[in-house]
């Protein structure tokens, strides 16, 4: 990212580990940064002192979300990047064993109210040749069925599909979703606090976080930098993986330009034994 670029970014959940790291990276590159936080902290105070415009937002409360959007809009009258970092794995446990009200709250935090934010702030997007960019973050479950995180997982799957739909409906804006992999962030606290409800995921999380196999934050940020300057023909409507995809490689760019279905939710096996076949 070019230093001194006069760009504006809004980072929802800027107090998250990825959100905070991204804010400082882009701030140092000359971007104007606005964002929302749920809980005040020294990190939040430091970002505010550095000139970032921060407002409180409780993502489980629609009124709080609307109020936060109004305050952000007043300070950031147009934007180049809208980044949505919220992620909460609670409630942890099988669907029939958790409180449905808590499960419903998970959908609001991880999906519905993120869509509310996009709906509120889209009119403020800045026109440019490249186009403004909305960046979501994905979770697991795209190709399997993780247990004990159904609220979180189904919300992330909905985000993946919504990314594709928004790309189709709003062609002047780049919509993309990024799977960061296992990053050492606060999101894993929900699992660590619920060893019984998490099942085998608890020990797996403990071992993973203690290992050197987690995705470096620098890799996540570099991928976000690439997304910020990549054309819609390459990234629009797609779900990228920081860990597994060769983002930034011109060969991948060329393939994506030619394959509309790549890195999107699709059903497999459509050509096997079609109805009426003999």
C-alpha atoms as a PDB file:
ATOM      1  CA  UNK A   1       0.000   0.000   0.000  1.00  0.00           C
ATOM      2  CA  UNK A   2       1.385   3.350  -1.015  1.00  0.00           C
ATOM      3  CA  UNK A   3       2.382   5.640   1.829  1.00  0.00           C
ATOM      4  CA  UNK A   4       0.555   8.935   1.851  1.00  0.00           C
ATOM      5  CA  UNK A   5      -2.529   7.600   0.040  1.00  0.00           C
ATOM      6  CA  UNK A   6      -5.524   9.809   0.826  1.00  0.00           C
ATOM      7  CA  UNK A   7      -7.966   6.979   1.424  1.00  0.00           C
ATOM      8  CA  UNK A   8     -10.593   6.402   4.087  1.00  0.00           C
ATOM      9  CA  UNK A   9     -11.397   3.134   5.833  1.00  0.00           C
ATOM     10  CA  UNK A  10     -14.163   2.231   8.256  1.00  0.00           C
ATOM     11  CA  UNK A  11     -13.314  -0.790  10.391  1.00  0.00           C
ATOM     12  CA  UNK A  12     -16.192  -2.352  12.290  1.00  0.00           C
ATOM     13  CA  UNK A  13     -14.922  -3.995  15.497  1.00  0.00           C
ATOM     14  CA  UNK A  14     -11.671  -2.085  15.255  1.00  0.00           C
ATOM     15  CA  UNK A  15     -10.940  -3.298  18.794  1.00  0.00           C
ATOM     16  CA  UNK A  16     -10.632  -6.889  17.549  1.00  0.00           C
ATOM     17  CA  UNK A  17      -7.087  -8.132  17.101  1.00  0.00           C
ATOM     18  CA  UNK A  18      -7.244  -8.131  13.308  1.00  0.00           C
ATOM     19  CA  UNK A  19      -9.147  -4.847  13.243  1.00  0.00           C
ATOM     20  CA  UNK A  20      -6.619  -3.111  15.471  1.00  0.00           C
ATOM     21  CA  UNK A  21      -3.632  -4.414  13.507  1.00  0.00           C
ATOM     22  CA  UNK A  22      -5.225  -3.341  10.236  1.00  0.00           C
ATOM     23  CA  UNK A  23      -6.075   0.106  11.606  1.00  0.00           C
ATOM     24  CA  UNK A  24      -2.497   0.821  12.623  1.00  0.00           C
ATOM     25  CA  UNK A  25      -1.104  -0.522   9.345  1.00  0.00           C
ATOM     26  CA  UNK A  26      -3.351   1.644   7.211  1.00  0.00           C
ATOM     27  CA  UNK A  27      -3.038   4.640   9.520  1.00  0.00           C
ATOM     28  CA  UNK A  28       0.737   4.504   9.107  1.00  0.00           C
ATOM     29  CA  UNK A  29       0.219   4.329   5.335  1.00  0.00           C
ATOM     30  CA  UNK A  30      -1.661   7.631   5.426  1.00  0.00           C
ATOM     31  CA  UNK A  31      -5.235   6.415   5.540  1.00  0.00           C
ATOM     32  CA  UNK A  32      -7.956   8.162   7.542  1.00  0.00           C
ATOM     33  CA  UNK A  33      -9.441   5.592   9.908  1.00  0.00           C
ATOM     34  CA  UNK A  34     -12.843   5.382  11.560  1.00  0.00           C
ATOM     35  CA  UNK A  35     -14.203   2.419  13.444  1.00  0.00           C
ATOM     36  CA  UNK A  36     -16.410   0.910  16.107  1.00  0.00           C
ATOM     37  CA  UNK A  37     -15.611  -0.879  19.341  1.00  0.00           C
ATOM     38  CA  UNK A  38     -17.657  -2.790  21.882  1.00  0.00           C
ATOM     39  CA  UNK A  39     -15.494  -2.445  24.985  1.00  0.00           C
ATOM     40  CA  UNK A  40     -13.224   0.462  25.818  1.00  0.00           C
ATOM     41  CA  UNK A  41      -9.595  -0.430  26.527  1.00  0.00           C
ATOM     42  CA  UNK A  42      -6.141   1.082  26.527  1.00  0.00           C
ATOM     43  CA  UNK A  43      -5.763  -0.086  22.926  1.00  0.00           C
ATOM     44  CA  UNK A  44      -8.942   1.772  21.956  1.00  0.00           C
ATOM     45  CA  UNK A  45      -7.797   4.886  23.807  1.00  0.00           C
ATOM     46  CA  UNK A  46      -4.441   4.746  22.023  1.00  0.00           C
ATOM     47  CA  UNK A  47      -6.096   4.533  18.609  1.00  0.00           C
ATOM     48  CA  UNK A  48      -8.369   7.460  19.435  1.00  0.00           C
ATOM     49  CA  UNK A  49      -5.395   9.503  20.639  1.00  0.00           C
ATOM     50  CA  UNK A  50      -3.703   8.835  17.298  1.00  0.00           C
ATOM     51  CA  UNK A  51      -6.558  10.536  15.470  1.00  0.00           C
ATOM     52  CA  UNK A  52      -8.785   7.597  14.612  1.00  0.00           C
ATOM     53  CA  UNK A  53     -12.491   8.376  14.982  1.00  0.00           C
ATOM     54  CA  UNK A  54     -13.977   5.645  17.156  1.00  0.00           C
ATOM     55  CA  UNK A  55     -17.551   5.109  18.329  1.00  0.00           C
ATOM     56  CA  UNK A  56     -19.132   2.567  20.629  1.00  0.00           C
ATOM     57  CA  UNK A  57     -21.281  -0.134  19.037  1.00  0.00           C
ATOM     58  CA  UNK A  58     -23.068  -3.106  20.582  1.00  0.00           C
ATOM     59  CA  UNK A  59     -23.619  -5.438  17.647  1.00  0.00           C
ATOM     60  CA  UNK A  60     -26.354  -7.404  19.397  1.00  0.00           C
ATOM     61  CA  UNK A  61     -28.475  -4.238  19.642  1.00  0.00           C
ATOM     62  CA  UNK A  62     -29.949  -2.869  16.402  1.00  0.00           C
ATOM     63  CA  UNK A  63     -30.488   0.587  17.916  1.00  0.00           C
ATOM     64  CA  UNK A  64     -26.851   0.775  18.989  1.00  0.00           C
ATOM     65  CA  UNK A  65     -25.784  -0.284  15.497  1.00  0.00           C
ATOM     66  CA  UNK A  66     -27.874   2.416  13.834  1.00  0.00           C
ATOM     67  CA  UNK A  67     -26.611   5.093  16.234  1.00  0.00           C
ATOM     68  CA  UNK A  68     -23.014   4.022  15.633  1.00  0.00           C
ATOM     69  CA  UNK A  69     -23.500   4.187  11.865  1.00  0.00           C
ATOM     70  CA  UNK A  70     -24.879   7.712  12.154  1.00  0.00           C
ATOM     71  CA  UNK A  71     -21.861   8.829  14.189  1.00  0.00           C
ATOM     72  CA  UNK A  72     -19.409   7.154  11.830  1.00  0.00           C
ATOM     73  CA  UNK A  73     -21.143   8.723   8.840  1.00  0.00           C
ATOM     74  CA  UNK A  74     -20.857  12.173  10.393  1.00  0.00           C
ATOM     75  CA  UNK A  75     -17.083  11.790  10.699  1.00  0.00           C
ATOM     76  CA  UNK A  76     -16.371   9.776   7.551  1.00  0.00           C
ATOM     77  CA  UNK A  77     -18.562  11.250   4.850  1.00  0.00           C
ATOM     78  CA  UNK A  78     -17.232   8.852   2.224  1.00  0.00           C
ATOM     79  CA  UNK A  79     -15.080   5.744   2.309  1.00  0.00           C
ATOM     80  CA  UNK A  80     -12.866   3.545   0.146  1.00  0.00           C
ATOM     81  CA  UNK A  81     -12.827   0.459   2.397  1.00  0.00           C
ATOM     82  CA  UNK A  82     -15.516  -0.858   4.721  1.00  0.00           C
ATOM     83  CA  UNK A  83     -14.095  -3.725   6.765  1.00  0.00           C
ATOM     84  CA  UNK A  84     -16.275  -5.845   9.035  1.00  0.00           C
ATOM     85  CA  UNK A  85     -14.233  -7.756  11.612  1.00  0.00           C
ATOM     86  CA  UNK A  86     -16.834  -8.945  14.153  1.00  0.00           C
ATOM     87  CA  UNK A  87     -16.671 -12.580  15.147  1.00  0.00           C
ATOM     88  CA  UNK A  88     -18.044 -14.313  18.233  1.00  0.00           C
ATOM     89  CA  UNK A  89     -18.180 -18.105  18.554  1.00  0.00           C
ATOM     90  CA  UNK A  90     -20.649 -18.078  21.454  1.00  0.00           C
ATOM     91  CA  UNK A  91     -22.768 -19.937  22.301  1.00  0.00           C
ATOM     92  CA  UNK A  92     -20.490 -22.967  22.200  1.00  0.00           C
ATOM     93  CA  UNK A  93     -22.292 -26.307  22.209  1.00  0.00           C
ATOM     94  CA  UNK A  94     -24.621 -28.490  20.159  1.00  0.00           C
ATOM     95  CA  UNK A  95     -27.656 -26.680  18.742  1.00  0.00           C
ATOM     96  CA  UNK A  96     -30.121 -28.508  21.002  1.00  0.00           C
ATOM     97  CA  UNK A  97     -28.014 -27.898  24.110  1.00  0.00           C
ATOM     98  CA  UNK A  98     -27.549 -24.116  23.945  1.00  0.00           C
ATOM     99  CA  UNK A  99     -29.976 -21.307  24.708  1.00  0.00           C
ATOM    100  CA  UNK A 100     -31.869 -20.388  21.558  1.00  0.00           C
ATOM    101  CA  UNK A 101     -31.869 -16.731  22.566  1.00  0.00           C
ATOM    102  CA  UNK A 102     -28.062 -16.830  22.744  1.00  0.00           C
ATOM    103  CA  UNK A 103     -27.987 -18.647  19.400  1.00  0.00           C
ATOM    104  CA  UNK A 104     -30.197 -15.955  17.881  1.00  0.00           C
ATOM    105  CA  UNK A 105     -27.903 -13.264  19.287  1.00  0.00           C
ATOM    106  CA  UNK A 106     -24.987 -14.986  17.554  1.00  0.00           C
ATOM    107  CA  UNK A 107     -26.793 -14.655  14.218  1.00  0.00           C
ATOM    108  CA  UNK A 108     -27.364 -10.956  14.882  1.00  0.00           C
ATOM    109  CA  UNK A 109     -23.735 -10.285  15.810  1.00  0.00           C
ATOM    110  CA  UNK A 110     -22.113 -12.465  13.171  1.00  0.00           C
ATOM    111  CA  UNK A 111     -24.480 -11.804  10.278  1.00  0.00           C
ATOM    112  CA  UNK A 112     -27.702  -9.780  10.500  1.00  0.00           C
ATOM    113  CA  UNK A 113     -26.365  -6.609  12.069  1.00  0.00           C
ATOM    114  CA  UNK A 114     -23.287  -6.713   9.884  1.00  0.00           C
ATOM    115  CA  UNK A 115     -25.717  -6.542   6.955  1.00  0.00           C
ATOM    116  CA  UNK A 116     -27.479  -3.665   8.706  1.00  0.00           C
ATOM    117  CA  UNK A 117     -24.170  -1.792   8.866  1.00  0.00           C
ATOM    118  CA  UNK A 118     -23.464  -2.381   5.187  1.00  0.00           C
ATOM    119  CA  UNK A 119     -26.980  -1.205   4.315  1.00  0.00           C
ATOM    120  CA  UNK A 120     -26.547   1.966   6.402  1.00  0.00           C
ATOM    121  CA  UNK A 121     -23.072   2.874   5.140  1.00  0.00           C
ATOM    122  CA  UNK A 122     -23.199   1.833   1.480  1.00  0.00           C
ATOM    123  CA  UNK A 123     -24.609   5.216   0.376  1.00  0.00           C
ATOM    124  CA  UNK A 124     -21.375   6.815   1.632  1.00  0.00           C
ATOM    125  CA  UNK A 125     -19.090   4.759  -0.594  1.00  0.00           C
ATOM    126  CA  UNK A 126     -16.648   6.789  -2.650  1.00  0.00           C
ATOM    127  CA  UNK A 127     -16.707   6.496  -6.424  1.00  0.00           C
ATOM    128  CA  UNK A 128     -13.385   5.580  -8.008  1.00  0.00           C
ATOM    129  CA  UNK A 129     -12.011   3.759 -11.027  1.00  0.00           C
ATOM    130  CA  UNK A 130     -11.167   0.707  -8.914  1.00  0.00           C
ATOM    131  CA  UNK A 131     -14.361   0.965  -6.905  1.00  0.00           C
ATOM    132  CA  UNK A 132     -14.895   0.978  -3.137  1.00  0.00           C
ATOM    133  CA  UNK A 133     -14.436  -2.324  -1.309  1.00  0.00           C
ATOM    134  CA  UNK A 134     -16.447  -4.100   1.389  1.00  0.00           C
ATOM    135  CA  UNK A 135     -14.404  -6.772   3.158  1.00  0.00           C
ATOM    136  CA  UNK A 136     -15.960  -9.444   5.376  1.00  0.00           C
ATOM    137  CA  UNK A 137     -14.205 -12.198   7.323  1.00  0.00           C
ATOM    138  CA  UNK A 138     -15.153 -15.850   6.918  1.00  0.00           C
ATOM    139  CA  UNK A 139     -14.969 -18.752   9.354  1.00  0.00           C
ATOM    140  CA  UNK A 140     -14.941 -22.523   8.996  1.00  0.00           C
ATOM    141  CA  UNK A 141     -17.654 -24.823   7.723  1.00  0.00           C
ATOM    142  CA  UNK A 142     -17.693 -24.043   4.010  1.00  0.00           C
ATOM    143  CA  UNK A 143     -16.737 -27.602   3.077  1.00  0.00           C
ATOM    144  CA  UNK A 144     -17.656 -29.575   6.206  1.00  0.00           C
ATOM    145  CA  UNK A 145     -19.897 -29.497   9.282  1.00  0.00           C
ATOM    146  CA  UNK A 146     -18.044 -28.303  12.400  1.00  0.00           C
ATOM    147  CA  UNK A 147     -19.843 -29.220  15.596  1.00  0.00           C
ATOM    148  CA  UNK A 148     -20.747 -27.004  18.560  1.00  0.00           C
ATOM    149  CA  UNK A 149     -20.560 -23.629  16.789  1.00  0.00           C
ATOM    150  CA  UNK A 150     -23.714 -23.636  14.653  1.00  0.00           C
ATOM    151  CA  UNK A 151     -24.705 -20.000  15.240  1.00  0.00           C
ATOM    152  CA  UNK A 152     -21.265 -18.736  14.322  1.00  0.00           C
ATOM    153  CA  UNK A 153     -20.773 -21.147  11.414  1.00  0.00           C
ATOM    154  CA  UNK A 154     -24.143 -20.574   9.740  1.00  0.00           C
ATOM    155  CA  UNK A 155     -23.622 -16.821  10.020  1.00  0.00           C
ATOM    156  CA  UNK A 156     -20.261 -17.068   8.282  1.00  0.00           C
ATOM    157  CA  UNK A 157     -21.725 -19.261   5.537  1.00  0.00           C
ATOM    158  CA  UNK A 158     -24.470 -16.673   5.065  1.00  0.00           C
ATOM    159  CA  UNK A 159     -21.792 -13.986   4.747  1.00  0.00           C
ATOM    160  CA  UNK A 160     -20.053 -15.999   2.033  1.00  0.00           C
ATOM    161  CA  UNK A 161     -23.232 -16.246  -0.025  1.00  0.00           C
ATOM    162  CA  UNK A 162     -24.239 -12.657   0.688  1.00  0.00           C
ATOM    163  CA  UNK A 163     -20.856 -11.527  -0.609  1.00  0.00           C
ATOM    164  CA  UNK A 164     -21.643 -13.142  -3.951  1.00  0.00           C
ATOM    165  CA  UNK A 165     -25.171 -11.707  -4.027  1.00  0.00           C
ATOM    166  CA  UNK A 166     -24.001  -8.181  -3.223  1.00  0.00           C
ATOM    167  CA  UNK A 167     -21.365  -8.434  -5.940  1.00  0.00           C
ATOM    168  CA  UNK A 168     -24.080  -9.332  -8.449  1.00  0.00           C
ATOM    169  CA  UNK A 169     -26.510  -6.650  -7.299  1.00  0.00           C
ATOM    170  CA  UNK A 170     -24.111  -3.739  -6.769  1.00  0.00           C
ATOM    171  CA  UNK A 171     -21.484  -3.844  -9.548  1.00  0.00           C
ATOM    172  CA  UNK A 172     -19.879  -0.488  -8.715  1.00  0.00           C
ATOM    173  CA  UNK A 173     -18.502  -1.912  -5.446  1.00  0.00           C
ATOM    174  CA  UNK A 174     -16.083  -4.764  -4.729  1.00  0.00           C
ATOM    175  CA  UNK A 175     -17.449  -7.242  -2.192  1.00  0.00           C
ATOM    176  CA  UNK A 176     -15.081  -9.916  -0.914  1.00  0.00           C
ATOM    177  CA  UNK A 177     -14.777 -12.240   2.077  1.00  0.00           C
ATOM    178  CA  UNK A 178     -11.530 -13.518   3.568  1.00  0.00           C
ATOM    179  CA  UNK A 179     -10.817 -16.600   5.648  1.00  0.00           C
ATOM    180  CA  UNK A 180      -7.780 -15.811   7.812  1.00  0.00           C
ATOM    181  CA  UNK A 181      -7.248 -19.325   9.124  1.00  0.00           C
ATOM    182  CA  UNK A 182      -6.146 -19.960  12.693  1.00  0.00           C
ATOM    183  CA  UNK A 183      -4.900 -16.614  13.996  1.00  0.00           C
ATOM    184  CA  UNK A 184      -3.983 -16.094  17.651  1.00  0.00           C
ATOM    185  CA  UNK A 185      -6.824 -13.728  18.545  1.00  0.00           C
ATOM    186  CA  UNK A 186      -9.465 -13.264  21.232  1.00  0.00           C
ATOM    187  CA  UNK A 187     -12.094 -15.154  19.219  1.00  0.00           C
ATOM    188  CA  UNK A 188     -10.805 -18.443  20.634  1.00  0.00           C
ATOM    189  CA  UNK A 189     -11.603 -17.353  24.206  1.00  0.00           C
ATOM    190  CA  UNK A 190     -15.160 -18.665  23.786  1.00  0.00           C
ATOM    191  CA  UNK A 191     -13.830 -22.182  23.238  1.00  0.00           C
ATOM    192  CA  UNK A 192     -11.253 -21.948  26.003  1.00  0.00           C
ATOM    193  CA  UNK A 193     -13.956 -20.893  28.482  1.00  0.00           C
ATOM    194  CA  UNK A 194     -16.252 -23.797  27.559  1.00  0.00           C
ATOM    195  CA  UNK A 195     -14.161 -26.999  27.534  1.00  0.00           C
ATOM    196  CA  UNK A 196     -17.131 -29.310  28.121  1.00  0.00           C
ATOM    197  CA  UNK A 197     -19.421 -27.737  25.522  1.00  0.00           C
ATOM    198  CA  UNK A 198     -16.639 -27.419  22.937  1.00  0.00           C
ATOM    199  CA  UNK A 199     -15.916 -31.146  22.950  1.00  0.00           C
ATOM    200  CA  UNK A 200     -12.790 -32.166  21.044  1.00  0.00           C
ATOM    201  CA  UNK A 201     -12.435 -28.614  19.737  1.00  0.00           C
ATOM    202  CA  UNK A 202     -11.195 -27.531  23.151  1.00  0.00           C
ATOM    203  CA  UNK A 203      -8.029 -29.641  23.100  1.00  0.00           C
ATOM    204  CA  UNK A 204      -7.514 -28.916  19.418  1.00  0.00           C
ATOM    205  CA  UNK A 205      -7.677 -25.181  20.132  1.00  0.00           C
ATOM    206  CA  UNK A 206      -5.271 -25.424  23.062  1.00  0.00           C
ATOM    207  CA  UNK A 207      -2.749 -27.348  20.970  1.00  0.00           C
ATOM    208  CA  UNK A 208      -3.149 -25.132  17.922  1.00  0.00           C
ATOM    209  CA  UNK A 209      -2.637 -21.896  19.841  1.00  0.00           C
ATOM    210  CA  UNK A 210       0.434 -23.342  21.553  1.00  0.00           C
ATOM    211  CA  UNK A 211       1.983 -24.342  18.236  1.00  0.00           C
ATOM    212  CA  UNK A 212       3.722 -22.374  15.505  1.00  0.00           C
ATOM    213  CA  UNK A 213       1.100 -23.405  12.942  1.00  0.00           C
ATOM    214  CA  UNK A 214      -1.192 -20.399  13.306  1.00  0.00           C
ATOM    215  CA  UNK A 215      -1.511 -17.821  10.535  1.00  0.00           C
ATOM    216  CA  UNK A 216       0.858 -14.889  11.151  1.00  0.00           C
ATOM    217  CA  UNK A 217      -0.975 -11.584  11.490  1.00  0.00           C
ATOM    218  CA  UNK A 218       1.389 -10.153   8.882  1.00  0.00           C
ATOM    219  CA  UNK A 219       0.045 -12.630   6.310  1.00  0.00           C
ATOM    220  CA  UNK A 220      -3.522 -11.546   7.045  1.00  0.00           C
ATOM    221  CA  UNK A 221      -2.605  -7.879   6.670  1.00  0.00           C
ATOM    222  CA  UNK A 222      -0.680  -8.427   3.444  1.00  0.00           C
ATOM    223  CA  UNK A 223      -3.662 -10.246   1.976  1.00  0.00           C
ATOM    224  CA  UNK A 224      -5.932  -7.359   3.003  1.00  0.00           C
ATOM    225  CA  UNK A 225      -3.520  -4.947   1.301  1.00  0.00           C
ATOM    226  CA  UNK A 226      -3.746  -7.054  -1.852  1.00  0.00           C
ATOM    227  CA  UNK A 227      -7.546  -7.081  -1.708  1.00  0.00           C
ATOM    228  CA  UNK A 228      -7.628  -3.301  -1.253  1.00  0.00           C
ATOM    229  CA  UNK A 229      -5.982  -2.795  -4.642  1.00  0.00           C
ATOM    230  CA  UNK A 230      -7.274  -5.828  -6.593  1.00  0.00           C
ATOM    231  CA  UNK A 231      -9.872  -5.344  -9.353  1.00  0.00           C
ATOM    232  CA  UNK A 232     -13.447  -6.572  -9.089  1.00  0.00           C
ATOM    233  CA  UNK A 233     -12.887  -9.070 -11.912  1.00  0.00           C
ATOM    234  CA  UNK A 234     -10.433 -10.884  -9.649  1.00  0.00           C
ATOM    235  CA  UNK A 235     -11.934 -10.586  -6.162  1.00  0.00           C
ATOM    236  CA  UNK A 236     -15.601  -9.681  -6.591  1.00  0.00           C
ATOM    237  CA  UNK A 237     -18.018 -12.018  -4.816  1.00  0.00           C
ATOM    238  CA  UNK A 238     -15.310 -14.486  -3.821  1.00  0.00           C
ATOM    239  CA  UNK A 239     -14.203 -16.211  -0.621  1.00  0.00           C
ATOM    240  CA  UNK A 240     -10.409 -16.192  -0.304  1.00  0.00           C
ATOM    241  CA  UNK A 241      -8.184 -18.126   2.083  1.00  0.00           C
ATOM    242  CA  UNK A 242      -5.099 -16.397   3.452  1.00  0.00           C
ATOM    243  CA  UNK A 243      -3.450 -19.757   4.058  1.00  0.00           C
ATOM    244  CA  UNK A 244      -4.290 -21.829   0.993  1.00  0.00           C
ATOM    245  CA  UNK A 245      -4.827 -19.444  -1.931  1.00  0.00           C
ATOM    246  CA  UNK A 246      -2.015 -17.979  -4.048  1.00  0.00           C
ATOM    247  CA  UNK A 247      -3.351 -14.443  -3.727  1.00  0.00           C
ATOM    248  CA  UNK A 248      -1.112 -11.901  -5.402  1.00  0.00           C
ATOM    249  CA  UNK A 249       0.017 -14.397  -8.046  1.00  0.00           C
ATOM    250  CA  UNK A 250      -0.752 -13.236 -11.591  1.00  0.00           C
ATOM    251  CA  UNK A 251      -1.543 -16.825 -12.604  1.00  0.00           C
ATOM    252  CA  UNK A 252      -4.368 -16.928 -10.065  1.00  0.00           C
ATOM    253  CA  UNK A 253      -5.601 -13.528 -11.226  1.00  0.00           C
ATOM    254  CA  UNK A 254      -5.824 -14.827 -14.786  1.00  0.00           C
ATOM    255  CA  UNK A 255      -7.701 -17.965 -13.702  1.00  0.00           C
ATOM    256  CA  UNK A 256     -10.191 -15.982 -11.623  1.00  0.00           C
ATOM    257  CA  UNK A 257     -10.934 -13.624 -14.484  1.00  0.00           C
ATOM    258  CA  UNK A 258     -11.971 -16.645 -16.565  1.00  0.00           C
ATOM    259  CA  UNK A 259     -13.807 -18.695 -13.923  1.00  0.00           C
ATOM    260  CA  UNK A 260     -16.915 -17.025 -12.518  1.00  0.00           C
ATOM    261  CA  UNK A 261     -17.604 -19.901 -10.086  1.00  0.00           C
ATOM    262  CA  UNK A 262     -14.180 -20.166  -8.462  1.00  0.00           C
ATOM    263  CA  UNK A 263     -13.993 -19.520  -4.693  1.00  0.00           C
ATOM    264  CA  UNK A 264     -17.790 -19.410  -4.308  1.00  0.00           C
ATOM    265  CA  UNK A 265     -20.374 -21.673  -2.666  1.00  0.00           C
ATOM    266  CA  UNK A 266     -21.361 -24.356  -5.155  1.00  0.00           C
ATOM    267  CA  UNK A 267     -22.979 -27.807  -5.039  1.00  0.00           C
ATOM    268  CA  UNK A 268     -20.750 -30.662  -6.166  1.00  0.00           C
ATOM    269  CA  UNK A 269     -21.614 -33.773  -8.187  1.00  0.00           C
ATOM    270  CA  UNK A 270     -24.182 -32.161 -10.482  1.00  0.00           C
ATOM    271  CA  UNK A 271     -23.029 -34.242 -13.469  1.00  0.00           C
ATOM    272  CA  UNK A 272     -23.278 -37.621 -11.716  1.00  0.00           C
ATOM    273  CA  UNK A 273     -26.239 -39.821 -12.679  1.00  0.00           C
ATOM    274  CA  UNK A 274     -28.669 -37.148 -13.808  1.00  0.00           C
ATOM    275  CA  UNK A 275     -32.374 -37.846 -13.481  1.00  0.00           C
ATOM    276  CA  UNK A 276     -33.640 -39.782 -16.481  1.00  0.00           C
ATOM    277  CA  UNK A 277     -30.164 -40.985 -17.451  1.00  0.00           C
ATOM    278  CA  UNK A 278     -29.880 -44.600 -18.628  1.00  0.00           C
END
